[in-house]
Amino acid sequence: MPVSNSIRYEILRGLPPPPTDDPVLREQRRDIVKWLLEEDPELRNELRNELRNAHVEEGELRTLVHQFTRRLGRALSTEEQQTLRERLLQLGADRLGDVVLDLSSEALAAWLAARDAT
């Protein structure tokens, strides 16, 4: 049976706030979320794909951070890692792989520092 949006919002408002140490509340929250995902297969598939993509992106990011660290001969700053994450999403892993392999360490540092690098 379909559930109206107003009822869904009421259910969500009734969820115990995360995080909670109460195992009963955690289990209730888990049951409600499972029920909502069962009721909305499109949302379930969308979340599954987002989680899968996030996992792949994190793995790619770790590999790229390692490669950039090796090429630069130093650890990346937090800001540089964030830049790399953003460029991974914008340009893709193949482009970043080309950049780290094709550029000298000096050119790579400049590429990483440039705001509009492609």
PDB file of N, CA and C in Angstrom:
ATOM      1  N   MET A   1       0.832  -1.174   0.000  1.00  0.00           N
ATOM      2  CA  MET A   1       0.000   0.000   0.000  1.00  0.00           C
ATOM      3  C   MET A   1       0.884   1.248   0.000  1.00  0.00           C
ATOM      4  N   PRO A   2       0.671   2.167  -0.952  1.00  0.00           N
ATOM      5  CA  PRO A   2       1.475   3.391  -0.995  1.00  0.00           C
ATOM      6  C   PRO A   2       1.254   4.248   0.246  1.00  0.00           C
ATOM      7  N   VAL A   3       2.288   4.967   0.614  1.00  0.00           N
ATOM      8  CA  VAL A   3       2.233   5.830   1.788  1.00  0.00           C
ATOM      9  C   VAL A   3       2.362   7.271   1.318  1.00  0.00           C
ATOM     10  N   SER A   4       1.506   8.156   1.812  1.00  0.00           N
ATOM     11  CA  SER A   4       1.572   9.565   1.410  1.00  0.00           C
ATOM     12  C   SER A   4       2.824  10.216   1.978  1.00  0.00           C
ATOM     13  N   ASN A   5       3.228  11.304   1.343  1.00  0.00           N
ATOM     14  CA  ASN A   5       4.414  12.036   1.812  1.00  0.00           C
ATOM     15  C   ASN A   5       4.230  12.570   3.219  1.00  0.00           C
ATOM     16  N   SER A   6       3.034  13.018   3.547  1.00  0.00           N
ATOM     17  CA  SER A   6       2.818  13.567   4.894  1.00  0.00           C
ATOM     18  C   SER A   6       3.009  12.483   5.955  1.00  0.00           C
ATOM     19  N   ILE A   7       2.570  11.266   5.661  1.00  0.00           N
ATOM     20  CA  ILE A   7       2.767  10.168   6.614  1.00  0.00           C
ATOM     21  C   ILE A   7       4.252   9.825   6.713  1.00  0.00           C
ATOM     22  N   ARG A   8       4.947   9.823   5.580  1.00  0.00           N
ATOM     23  CA  ARG A   8       6.389   9.542   5.609  1.00  0.00           C
ATOM     24  C   ARG A   8       7.121  10.555   6.476  1.00  0.00           C
ATOM     25  N   TYR A   9       6.770  11.845   6.311  1.00  0.00           N
ATOM     26  CA  TYR A   9       7.431  12.876   7.112  1.00  0.00           C
ATOM     27  C   TYR A   9       7.132  12.696   8.597  1.00  0.00           C
ATOM     28  N   GLU A  10       5.939  12.298   8.913  1.00  0.00           N
ATOM     29  CA  GLU A  10       5.586  12.037  10.312  1.00  0.00           C
ATOM     30  C   GLU A  10       6.419  10.876  10.861  1.00  0.00           C
ATOM     31  N   ILE A  11       6.577   9.847  10.059  1.00  0.00           N
ATOM     32  CA  ILE A  11       7.389   8.699  10.484  1.00  0.00           C
ATOM     33  C   ILE A  11       8.829   9.136  10.709  1.00  0.00           C
ATOM     34  N   LEU A  12       9.371   9.890   9.767  1.00  0.00           N
ATOM     35  CA  LEU A  12      10.763  10.340   9.894  1.00  0.00           C
ATOM     36  C   LEU A  12      10.954  11.245  11.111  1.00  0.00           C
ATOM     37  N   ARG A  13       9.989  12.101  11.369  1.00  0.00           N
ATOM     38  CA  ARG A  13      10.086  12.969  12.551  1.00  0.00           C
ATOM     39  C   ARG A  13      10.038  12.164  13.834  1.00  0.00           C
ATOM     40  N   GLY A  14       9.392  10.997  13.798  1.00  0.00           N
ATOM     41  CA  GLY A  14       9.280  10.151  14.975  1.00  0.00           C
ATOM     42  C   GLY A  14      10.488   9.268  15.224  1.00  0.00           C
ATOM     43  N   LEU A  15      11.427   9.265  14.281  1.00  0.00           N
ATOM     44  CA  LEU A  15      12.622   8.437  14.466  1.00  0.00           C
ATOM     45  C   LEU A  15      13.462   8.975  15.614  1.00  0.00           C
ATOM     46  N   PRO A  16      14.050   8.093  16.404  1.00  0.00           N
ATOM     47  CA  PRO A  16      14.965   8.573  17.443  1.00  0.00           C
ATOM     48  C   PRO A  16      16.182   9.204  16.778  1.00  0.00           C
ATOM     49  N   PRO A  17      16.684  10.272  17.357  1.00  0.00           N
ATOM     50  CA  PRO A  17      17.819  10.955  16.728  1.00  0.00           C
ATOM     51  C   PRO A  17      19.080  10.102  16.804  1.00  0.00           C
ATOM     52  N   PRO A  18      19.851  10.087  15.717  1.00  0.00           N
ATOM     53  CA  PRO A  18      21.132   9.388  15.794  1.00  0.00           C
ATOM     54  C   PRO A  18      22.154  10.324  16.399  1.00  0.00           C
ATOM     55  N   PRO A  19      23.160   9.914  17.019  1.00  0.00           N
ATOM     56  CA  PRO A  19      23.347   8.550  17.503  1.00  0.00           C
ATOM     57  C   PRO A  19      22.642   8.377  18.838  1.00  0.00           C
ATOM     58  N   THR A  20      22.278   7.188  19.111  1.00  0.00           N
ATOM     59  CA  THR A  20      21.662   6.891  20.399  1.00  0.00           C
ATOM     60  C   THR A  20      22.311   5.631  20.968  1.00  0.00           C
ATOM     61  N   ASP A  21      22.463   5.600  22.273  1.00  0.00           N
ATOM     62  CA  ASP A  21      23.056   4.424  22.925  1.00  0.00           C
ATOM     63  C   ASP A  21      22.008   3.393  23.294  1.00  0.00           C
ATOM     64  N   ASP A  22      20.743   3.767  23.155  1.00  0.00           N
ATOM     65  CA  ASP A  22      19.660   2.869  23.526  1.00  0.00           C
ATOM     66  C   ASP A  22      19.466   1.816  22.422  1.00  0.00           C
ATOM     67  N   PRO A  23      19.760   0.537  22.716  1.00  0.00           N
ATOM     68  CA  PRO A  23      19.655  -0.492  21.679  1.00  0.00           C
ATOM     69  C   PRO A  23      18.231  -0.668  21.152  1.00  0.00           C
ATOM     70  N   VAL A  24      17.227  -0.416  21.968  1.00  0.00           N
ATOM     71  CA  VAL A  24      15.840  -0.536  21.519  1.00  0.00           C
ATOM     72  C   VAL A  24      15.529   0.555  20.499  1.00  0.00           C
ATOM     73  N   LEU A  25      15.940   1.788  20.789  1.00  0.00           N
ATOM     74  CA  LEU A  25      15.722   2.889  19.852  1.00  0.00           C
ATOM     75  C   LEU A  25      16.489   2.680  18.553  1.00  0.00           C
ATOM     76  N   ARG A  26      17.720   2.190  18.658  1.00  0.00           N
ATOM     77  CA  ARG A  26      18.506   1.899  17.440  1.00  0.00           C
ATOM     78  C   ARG A  26      17.808   0.860  16.587  1.00  0.00           C
ATOM     79  N   GLU A  27      17.283  -0.177  17.218  1.00  0.00           N
ATOM     80  CA  GLU A  27      16.592  -1.236  16.481  1.00  0.00           C
ATOM     81  C   GLU A  27      15.299  -0.709  15.848  1.00  0.00           C
ATOM     82  N   GLN A  28      14.573   0.133  16.563  1.00  0.00           N
ATOM     83  CA  GLN A  28      13.360   0.722  16.000  1.00  0.00           C
ATOM     84  C   GLN A  28      13.686   1.574  14.776  1.00  0.00           C
ATOM     85  N   ARG A  29      14.714   2.377  14.896  1.00  0.00           N
ATOM     86  CA  ARG A  29      15.139   3.233  13.782  1.00  0.00           C
ATOM     87  C   ARG A  29      15.531   2.380  12.587  1.00  0.00           C
ATOM     88  N   ARG A  30      16.268   1.339  12.859  1.00  0.00           N
ATOM     89  CA  ARG A  30      16.716   0.431  11.796  1.00  0.00           C
ATOM     90  C   ARG A  30      15.519  -0.229  11.106  1.00  0.00           C
ATOM     91  N   ASP A  31      14.554  -0.666  11.873  1.00  0.00           N
ATOM     92  CA  ASP A  31      13.360  -1.299  11.301  1.00  0.00           C
ATOM     93  C   ASP A  31      12.584  -0.330  10.415  1.00  0.00           C
ATOM     94  N   ILE A  32      12.442   0.910  10.869  1.00  0.00           N
ATOM     95  CA  ILE A  32      11.705   1.901  10.089  1.00  0.00           C
ATOM     96  C   ILE A  32      12.444   2.214   8.790  1.00  0.00           C
ATOM     97  N   VAL A  33      13.741   2.388   8.851  1.00  0.00           N
ATOM     98  CA  VAL A  33      14.524   2.677   7.645  1.00  0.00           C
ATOM     99  C   VAL A  33      14.438   1.509   6.676  1.00  0.00           C
ATOM    100  N   LYS A  34      14.556   0.293   7.171  1.00  0.00           N
ATOM    101  CA  LYS A  34      14.429  -0.885   6.309  1.00  0.00           C
ATOM    102  C   LYS A  34      13.057  -0.917   5.643  1.00  0.00           C
ATOM    103  N   TRP A  35      12.037  -0.620   6.414  1.00  0.00           N
ATOM    104  CA  TRP A  35      10.683  -0.616   5.862  1.00  0.00           C
ATOM    105  C   TRP A  35      10.558   0.437   4.753  1.00  0.00           C
ATOM    106  N   LEU A  36      11.091   1.633   4.998  1.00  0.00           N
ATOM    107  CA  LEU A  36      11.025   2.690   3.990  1.00  0.00           C
ATOM    108  C   LEU A  36      11.761   2.279   2.714  1.00  0.00           C
ATOM    109  N   LEU A  37      12.905   1.642   2.864  1.00  0.00           N
ATOM    110  CA  LEU A  37      13.657   1.211   1.685  1.00  0.00           C
ATOM    111  C   LEU A  37      12.941   0.091   0.940  1.00  0.00           C
ATOM    112  N   GLU A  38      12.264  -0.759   1.659  1.00  0.00           N
ATOM    113  CA  GLU A  38      11.480  -1.816   1.008  1.00  0.00           C
ATOM    114  C   GLU A  38      10.301  -1.218   0.241  1.00  0.00           C
ATOM    115  N   GLU A  39       9.731  -0.131   0.772  1.00  0.00           N
ATOM    116  CA  GLU A  39       8.590   0.514   0.137  1.00  0.00           C
ATOM    117  C   GLU A  39       8.983   1.341  -1.089  1.00  0.00           C
ATOM    118  N   ASP A  40      10.240   1.712  -1.189  1.00  0.00           N
ATOM    119  CA  ASP A  40      10.686   2.580  -2.283  1.00  0.00           C
ATOM    120  C   ASP A  40      11.909   1.967  -2.974  1.00  0.00           C
ATOM    121  N   PRO A  41      11.677   0.999  -3.890  1.00  0.00           N
ATOM    122  CA  PRO A  41      12.795   0.323  -4.555  1.00  0.00           C
ATOM    123  C   PRO A  41      13.703   1.284  -5.339  1.00  0.00           C
ATOM    124  N   GLU A  42      13.123   2.337  -5.887  1.00  0.00           N
ATOM    125  CA  GLU A  42      13.929   3.306  -6.638  1.00  0.00           C
ATOM    126  C   GLU A  42      14.937   3.991  -5.714  1.00  0.00           C
ATOM    127  N   LEU A  43      14.472   4.401  -4.541  1.00  0.00           N
ATOM    128  CA  LEU A  43      15.362   5.020  -3.565  1.00  0.00           C
ATOM    129  C   LEU A  43      16.419   4.019  -3.107  1.00  0.00           C
ATOM    130  N   ARG A  44      16.002   2.787  -2.848  1.00  0.00           N
ATOM    131  CA  ARG A  44      16.944   1.751  -2.420  1.00  0.00           C
ATOM    132  C   ARG A  44      18.048   1.577  -3.454  1.00  0.00           C
ATOM    133  N   ASN A  45      17.683   1.504  -4.731  1.00  0.00           N
ATOM    134  CA  ASN A  45      18.686   1.338  -5.786  1.00  0.00           C
ATOM    135  C   ASN A  45      19.574   2.567  -5.914  1.00  0.00           C
ATOM    136  N   GLU A  46      18.977   3.749  -5.763  1.00  0.00           N
ATOM    137  CA  GLU A  46      19.755   4.980  -5.825  1.00  0.00           C
ATOM    138  C   GLU A  46      20.798   5.029  -4.703  1.00  0.00           C
ATOM    139  N   LEU A  47      20.384   4.687  -3.494  1.00  0.00           N
ATOM    140  CA  LEU A  47      21.317   4.674  -2.363  1.00  0.00           C
ATOM    141  C   LEU A  47      22.401   3.623  -2.547  1.00  0.00           C
ATOM    142  N   ARG A  48      22.025   2.450  -3.048  1.00  0.00           N
ATOM    143  CA  ARG A  48      22.997   1.393  -3.308  1.00  0.00           C
ATOM    144  C   ARG A  48      24.056   1.879  -4.300  1.00  0.00           C
ATOM    145  N   ASN A  49      23.621   2.544  -5.361  1.00  0.00           N
ATOM    146  CA  ASN A  49      24.566   3.046  -6.364  1.00  0.00           C
ATOM    147  C   ASN A  49      25.455   4.138  -5.796  1.00  0.00           C
ATOM    148  N   GLU A  50      24.873   5.022  -4.984  1.00  0.00           N
ATOM    149  CA  GLU A  50      25.674   6.085  -4.374  1.00  0.00           C
ATOM    150  C   GLU A  50      26.732   5.503  -3.442  1.00  0.00           C
ATOM    151  N   LEU A  51      26.371   4.512  -2.659  1.00  0.00           N
ATOM    152  CA  LEU A  51      27.344   3.878  -1.761  1.00  0.00           C
ATOM    153  C   LEU A  51      28.441   3.174  -2.545  1.00  0.00           C
ATOM    154  N   ARG A  52      28.055   2.488  -3.601  1.00  0.00           N
ATOM    155  CA  ARG A  52      29.041   1.803  -4.444  1.00  0.00           C
ATOM    156  C   ARG A  52      29.995   2.820  -5.067  1.00  0.00           C
ATOM    157  N   ASN A  53      29.449   3.929  -5.592  1.00  0.00           N
ATOM    158  CA  ASN A  53      30.287   4.956  -6.206  1.00  0.00           C
ATOM    159  C   ASN A  53      31.200   5.620  -5.183  1.00  0.00           C
ATOM    160  N   ALA A  54      30.685   5.873  -3.989  1.00  0.00           N
ATOM    161  CA  ALA A  54      31.505   6.484  -2.939  1.00  0.00           C
ATOM    162  C   ALA A  54      32.659   5.568  -2.568  1.00  0.00           C
ATOM    163  N   HIS A  55      32.396   4.268  -2.493  1.00  0.00           N
ATOM    164  CA  HIS A  55      33.442   3.305  -2.165  1.00  0.00           C
ATOM    165  C   HIS A  55      34.520   3.300  -3.245  1.00  0.00           C
ATOM    166  N   VAL A  56      34.107   3.299  -4.504  1.00  0.00           N
ATOM    167  CA  VAL A  56      35.060   3.310  -5.620  1.00  0.00           C
ATOM    168  C   VAL A  56      35.865   4.599  -5.597  1.00  0.00           C
ATOM    169  N   GLU A  57      35.176   5.742  -5.406  1.00  0.00           N
ATOM    170  CA  GLU A  57      35.876   7.023  -5.387  1.00  0.00           C
ATOM    171  C   GLU A  57      36.897   7.097  -4.258  1.00  0.00           C
ATOM    172  N   GLU A  58      36.558   6.575  -3.086  1.00  0.00           N
ATOM    173  CA  GLU A  58      37.503   6.592  -1.967  1.00  0.00           C
ATOM    174  C   GLU A  58      38.726   5.736  -2.284  1.00  0.00           C
ATOM    175  N   GLY A  59      38.515   4.593  -2.914  1.00  0.00           N
ATOM    176  CA  GLY A  59      39.635   3.738  -3.306  1.00  0.00           C
ATOM    177  C   GLY A  59      40.512   4.422  -4.338  1.00  0.00           C
ATOM    178  N   GLU A  60      39.874   5.059  -5.319  1.00  0.00           N
ATOM    179  CA  GLU A  60      40.626   5.795  -6.338  1.00  0.00           C
ATOM    180  C   GLU A  60      41.385   6.948  -5.706  1.00  0.00           C
ATOM    181  N   LEU A  61      40.741   7.642  -4.769  1.00  0.00           N
ATOM    182  CA  LEU A  61      41.383   8.779  -4.116  1.00  0.00           C
ATOM    183  C   LEU A  61      42.624   8.331  -3.344  1.00  0.00           C
ATOM    184  N   ARG A  62      42.512   7.227  -2.607  1.00  0.00           N
ATOM    185  CA  ARG A  62      43.677   6.730  -1.855  1.00  0.00           C
ATOM    186  C   ARG A  62      44.830   6.425  -2.795  1.00  0.00           C
ATOM    187  N   THR A  63      44.525   5.795  -3.927  1.00  0.00           N
ATOM    188  CA  THR A  63      45.567   5.469  -4.902  1.00  0.00           C
ATOM    189  C   THR A  63      46.195   6.739  -5.460  1.00  0.00           C
ATOM    190  N   LEU A  64      45.356   7.712  -5.804  1.00  0.00           N
ATOM    191  CA  LEU A  64      45.880   8.965  -6.355  1.00  0.00           C
ATOM    192  C   LEU A  64      46.694   9.740  -5.334  1.00  0.00           C
ATOM    193  N   VAL A  65      46.238   9.785  -4.091  1.00  0.00           N
ATOM    194  CA  VAL A  65      47.012  10.466  -3.037  1.00  0.00           C
ATOM    195  C   VAL A  65      48.385   9.816  -2.926  1.00  0.00           C
ATOM    196  N   HIS A  66      48.424   8.496  -2.962  1.00  0.00           N
ATOM    197  CA  HIS A  66      49.700   7.786  -2.897  1.00  0.00           C
ATOM    198  C   HIS A  66      50.592   8.165  -4.083  1.00  0.00           C
ATOM    199  N   GLN A  67      50.027   8.181  -5.286  1.00  0.00           N
ATOM    200  CA  GLN A  67      50.806   8.508  -6.480  1.00  0.00           C
ATOM    201  C   GLN A  67      51.312   9.946  -6.444  1.00  0.00           C
ATOM    202  N   PHE A  68      50.448  10.883  -6.046  1.00  0.00           N
ATOM    203  CA  PHE A  68      50.864  12.284  -5.962  1.00  0.00           C
ATOM    204  C   PHE A  68      51.941  12.453  -4.893  1.00  0.00           C
ATOM    205  N   THR A  69      51.792  11.769  -3.775  1.00  0.00           N
ATOM    206  CA  THR A  69      52.782  11.830  -2.701  1.00  0.00           C
ATOM    207  C   THR A  69      54.144  11.342  -3.201  1.00  0.00           C
ATOM    208  N   ARG A  70      54.141  10.234  -3.907  1.00  0.00           N
ATOM    209  CA  ARG A  70      55.395   9.687  -4.462  1.00  0.00           C
ATOM    210  C   ARG A  70      56.027  10.652  -5.449  1.00  0.00           C
ATOM    211  N   ARG A  71      55.223  11.192  -6.356  1.00  0.00           N
ATOM    212  CA  ARG A  71      55.763  12.092  -7.394  1.00  0.00           C
ATOM    213  C   ARG A  71      56.284  13.386  -6.783  1.00  0.00           C
ATOM    214  N   LEU A  72      55.557  13.922  -5.796  1.00  0.00           N
ATOM    215  CA  LEU A  72      55.968  15.186  -5.175  1.00  0.00           C
ATOM    216  C   LEU A  72      57.077  14.997  -4.142  1.00  0.00           C
ATOM    217  N   GLY A  73      57.221  13.789  -3.634  1.00  0.00           N
ATOM    218  CA  GLY A  73      58.244  13.525  -2.628  1.00  0.00           C
ATOM    219  C   GLY A  73      57.889  14.072  -1.258  1.00  0.00           C
ATOM    220  N   ARG A  74      56.591  14.262  -1.028  1.00  0.00           N
ATOM    221  CA  ARG A  74      56.129  14.781   0.263  1.00  0.00           C
ATOM    222  C   ARG A  74      54.661  14.428   0.434  1.00  0.00           C
ATOM    223  N   ALA A  75      54.200  14.533   1.671  1.00  0.00           N
ATOM    224  CA  ALA A  75      52.788  14.282   1.946  1.00  0.00           C
ATOM    225  C   ALA A  75      51.949  15.445   1.437  1.00  0.00           C
ATOM    226  N   LEU A  76      50.728  15.140   1.008  1.00  0.00           N
ATOM    227  CA  LEU A  76      49.804  16.185   0.585  1.00  0.00           C
ATOM    228  C   LEU A  76      49.162  16.831   1.808  1.00  0.00           C
ATOM    229  N   SER A  77      48.955  18.127   1.716  1.00  0.00           N
ATOM    230  CA  SER A  77      48.242  18.823   2.788  1.00  0.00           C
ATOM    231  C   SER A  77      46.765  18.444   2.732  1.00  0.00           C
ATOM    232  N   THR A  78      46.056  18.781   3.777  1.00  0.00           N
ATOM    233  CA  THR A  78      44.610  18.536   3.808  1.00  0.00           C
ATOM    234  C   THR A  78      43.928  19.271   2.662  1.00  0.00           C
ATOM    235  N   GLU A  79      44.351  20.508   2.412  1.00  0.00           N
ATOM    236  CA  GLU A  79      43.773  21.300   1.314  1.00  0.00           C
ATOM    237  C   GLU A  79      44.069  20.649  -0.040  1.00  0.00           C
ATOM    238  N   GLU A  80      45.272  20.149  -0.216  1.00  0.00           N
ATOM    239  CA  GLU A  80      45.611  19.480  -1.480  1.00  0.00           C
ATOM    240  C   GLU A  80      44.811  18.188  -1.659  1.00  0.00           C
ATOM    241  N   GLN A  81      44.603  17.464  -0.591  1.00  0.00           N
ATOM    242  CA  GLN A  81      43.790  16.253  -0.688  1.00  0.00           C
ATOM    243  C   GLN A  81      42.350  16.596  -1.062  1.00  0.00           C
ATOM    244  N   GLN A  82      41.827  17.690  -0.526  1.00  0.00           N
ATOM    245  CA  GLN A  82      40.482  18.130  -0.880  1.00  0.00           C
ATOM    246  C   GLN A  82      40.423  18.546  -2.349  1.00  0.00           C
ATOM    247  N   THR A  83      41.443  19.236  -2.807  1.00  0.00           N
ATOM    248  CA  THR A  83      41.522  19.619  -4.226  1.00  0.00           C
ATOM    249  C   THR A  83      41.536  18.374  -5.096  1.00  0.00           C
ATOM    250  N   LEU A  84      42.310  17.395  -4.692  1.00  0.00           N
ATOM    251  CA  LEU A  84      42.389  16.143  -5.451  1.00  0.00           C
ATOM    252  C   LEU A  84      41.030  15.451  -5.474  1.00  0.00           C
ATOM    253  N   ARG A  85      40.338  15.431  -4.353  1.00  0.00           N
ATOM    254  CA  ARG A  85      38.993  14.832  -4.283  1.00  0.00           C
ATOM    255  C   ARG A  85      38.043  15.543  -5.250  1.00  0.00           C
ATOM    256  N   GLU A  86      38.063  16.862  -5.244  1.00  0.00           N
ATOM    257  CA  GLU A  86      37.185  17.637  -6.128  1.00  0.00           C
ATOM    258  C   GLU A  86      37.524  17.381  -7.594  1.00  0.00           C
ATOM    259  N   ARG A  87      38.803  17.325  -7.897  1.00  0.00           N
ATOM    260  CA  ARG A  87      39.195  17.080  -9.292  1.00  0.00           C
ATOM    261  C   ARG A  87      38.900  15.654  -9.727  1.00  0.00           C
ATOM    262  N   LEU A  88      38.954  14.725  -8.803  1.00  0.00           N
ATOM    263  CA  LEU A  88      38.569  13.349  -9.123  1.00  0.00           C
ATOM    264  C   LEU A  88      37.111  13.329  -9.570  1.00  0.00           C
ATOM    265  N   LEU A  89      36.251  14.048  -8.861  1.00  0.00           N
ATOM    266  CA  LEU A  89      34.838  14.102  -9.221  1.00  0.00           C
ATOM    267  C   LEU A  89      34.614  14.857 -10.522  1.00  0.00           C
ATOM    268  N   GLN A  90      35.385  15.923 -10.747  1.00  0.00           N
ATOM    269  CA  GLN A  90      35.203  16.754 -11.938  1.00  0.00           C
ATOM    270  C   GLN A  90      35.837  16.152 -13.190  1.00  0.00           C
ATOM    271  N   LEU A  91      37.062  15.660 -13.027  1.00  0.00           N
ATOM    272  CA  LEU A  91      37.850  15.261 -14.200  1.00  0.00           C
ATOM    273  C   LEU A  91      37.942  13.751 -14.392  1.00  0.00           C
ATOM    274  N   GLY A  92      37.757  13.009 -13.319  1.00  0.00           N
ATOM    275  CA  GLY A  92      37.826  11.555 -13.403  1.00  0.00           C
ATOM    276  C   GLY A  92      39.214  11.021 -13.095  1.00  0.00           C
ATOM    277  N   ALA A  93      39.256   9.748 -12.744  1.00  0.00           N
ATOM    278  CA  ALA A  93      40.503   9.098 -12.331  1.00  0.00           C
ATOM    279  C   ALA A  93      41.494   8.987 -13.481  1.00  0.00           C
ATOM    280  N   ASP A  94      41.014   8.742 -14.701  1.00  0.00           N
ATOM    281  CA  ASP A  94      41.923   8.606 -15.836  1.00  0.00           C
ATOM    282  C   ASP A  94      42.720   9.884 -16.064  1.00  0.00           C
ATOM    283  N   ARG A  95      42.041  11.029 -16.019  1.00  0.00           N
ATOM    284  CA  ARG A  95      42.726  12.311 -16.224  1.00  0.00           C
ATOM    285  C   ARG A  95      43.749  12.555 -15.121  1.00  0.00           C
ATOM    286  N   LEU A  96      43.373  12.301 -13.870  1.00  0.00           N
ATOM    287  CA  LEU A  96      44.318  12.521 -12.778  1.00  0.00           C
ATOM    288  C   LEU A  96      45.493  11.567 -12.861  1.00  0.00           C
ATOM    289  N   GLY A  97      45.246  10.345 -13.296  1.00  0.00           N
ATOM    290  CA  GLY A  97      46.337   9.400 -13.505  1.00  0.00           C
ATOM    291  C   GLY A  97      47.299   9.890 -14.565  1.00  0.00           C
ATOM    292  N   ASP A  98      46.757  10.453 -15.657  1.00  0.00           N
ATOM    293  CA  ASP A  98      47.611  11.015 -16.704  1.00  0.00           C
ATOM    294  C   ASP A  98      48.449  12.162 -16.166  1.00  0.00           C
ATOM    295  N   VAL A  99      47.825  13.031 -15.388  1.00  0.00           N
ATOM    296  CA  VAL A  99      48.523  14.196 -14.834  1.00  0.00           C
ATOM    297  C   VAL A  99      49.697  13.753 -13.965  1.00  0.00           C
ATOM    298  N   VAL A 100      49.464  12.826 -13.074  1.00  0.00           N
ATOM    299  CA  VAL A 100      50.524  12.409 -12.145  1.00  0.00           C
ATOM    300  C   VAL A 100      51.655  11.691 -12.882  1.00  0.00           C
ATOM    301  N   LEU A 101      51.336  11.005 -13.968  1.00  0.00           N
ATOM    302  CA  LEU A 101      52.384  10.295 -14.717  1.00  0.00           C
ATOM    303  C   LEU A 101      53.111  11.195 -15.709  1.00  0.00           C
ATOM    304  N   ASP A 102      52.421  12.169 -16.275  1.00  0.00           N
ATOM    305  CA  ASP A 102      52.987  12.982 -17.354  1.00  0.00           C
ATOM    306  C   ASP A 102      53.763  14.201 -16.878  1.00  0.00           C
ATOM    307  N   LEU A 103      53.417  14.742 -15.727  1.00  0.00           N
ATOM    308  CA  LEU A 103      54.044  15.988 -15.280  1.00  0.00           C
ATOM    309  C   LEU A 103      55.235  15.726 -14.368  1.00  0.00           C
ATOM    310  N   SER A 104      56.199  16.630 -14.428  1.00  0.00           N
ATOM    311  CA  SER A 104      57.308  16.579 -13.477  1.00  0.00           C
ATOM    312  C   SER A 104      56.777  16.934 -12.102  1.00  0.00           C
ATOM    313  N   SER A 105      57.583  16.724 -11.079  1.00  0.00           N
ATOM    314  CA  SER A 105      57.112  17.036  -9.723  1.00  0.00           C
ATOM    315  C   SER A 105      56.821  18.526  -9.575  1.00  0.00           C
ATOM    316  N   GLU A 106      57.635  19.379 -10.216  1.00  0.00           N
ATOM    317  CA  GLU A 106      57.400  20.822 -10.129  1.00  0.00           C
ATOM    318  C   GLU A 106      56.108  21.209 -10.844  1.00  0.00           C
ATOM    319  N   ALA A 107      55.897  20.664 -12.047  1.00  0.00           N
ATOM    320  CA  ALA A 107      54.686  20.967 -12.806  1.00  0.00           C
ATOM    321  C   ALA A 107      53.456  20.390 -12.087  1.00  0.00           C
ATOM    322  N   LEU A 108      53.626  19.243 -11.463  1.00  0.00           N
ATOM    323  CA  LEU A 108      52.515  18.630 -10.730  1.00  0.00           C
ATOM    324  C   LEU A 108      52.121  19.495  -9.535  1.00  0.00           C
ATOM    325  N   ALA A 109      53.094  20.024  -8.818  1.00  0.00           N
ATOM    326  CA  ALA A 109      52.807  20.914  -7.683  1.00  0.00           C
ATOM    327  C   ALA A 109      52.065  22.158  -8.164  1.00  0.00           C
ATOM    328  N   ALA A 110      52.487  22.704  -9.306  1.00  0.00           N
ATOM    329  CA  ALA A 110      51.814  23.884  -9.860  1.00  0.00           C
ATOM    330  C   ALA A 110      50.391  23.538 -10.295  1.00  0.00           C
ATOM    331  N   TRP A 111      50.208  22.371 -10.911  1.00  0.00           N
ATOM    332  CA  TRP A 111      48.879  21.924 -11.345  1.00  0.00           C
ATOM    333  C   TRP A 111      47.952  21.774 -10.142  1.00  0.00           C
ATOM    334  N   LEU A 112      48.480  21.211  -9.079  1.00  0.00           N
ATOM    335  CA  LEU A 112      47.686  20.992  -7.876  1.00  0.00           C
ATOM    336  C   LEU A 112      47.311  22.334  -7.221  1.00  0.00           C
ATOM    337  N   ALA A 113      48.189  23.318  -7.308  1.00  0.00           N
ATOM    338  CA  ALA A 113      47.953  24.629  -6.685  1.00  0.00           C
ATOM    339  C   ALA A 113      47.041  25.517  -7.526  1.00  0.00           C
ATOM    340  N   ALA A 114      46.970  25.269  -8.831  1.00  0.00           N
ATOM    341  CA  ALA A 114      46.170  26.114  -9.732  1.00  0.00           C
ATOM    342  C   ALA A 114      44.682  25.893  -9.472  1.00  0.00           C
ATOM    343  N   ARG A 115      43.930  26.974  -9.419  1.00  0.00           N
ATOM    344  CA  ARG A 115      42.497  26.884  -9.166  1.00  0.00           C
ATOM    345  C   ARG A 115      41.721  26.315 -10.352  1.00  0.00           C
ATOM    346  N   ASP A 116      42.175  26.594 -11.559  1.00  0.00           N
ATOM    347  CA  ASP A 116      41.405  26.215 -12.743  1.00  0.00           C
ATOM    348  C   ASP A 116      42.075  25.113 -13.565  1.00  0.00           C
ATOM    349  N   ALA A 117      42.889  24.296 -12.934  1.00  0.00           N
ATOM    350  CA  ALA A 117      43.606  23.243 -13.650  1.00  0.00           C
ATOM    351  C   ALA A 117      42.627  22.206 -14.204  1.00  0.00           C
ATOM    352  N   THR A 118      42.974  21.696 -15.381  1.00  0.00           N
ATOM    353  CA  THR A 118      42.163  20.657 -16.007  1.00  0.00           C
ATOM    354  C   THR A 118      43.028  19.472 -16.397  1.00  0.00           C
TER     355      THR A 118
END
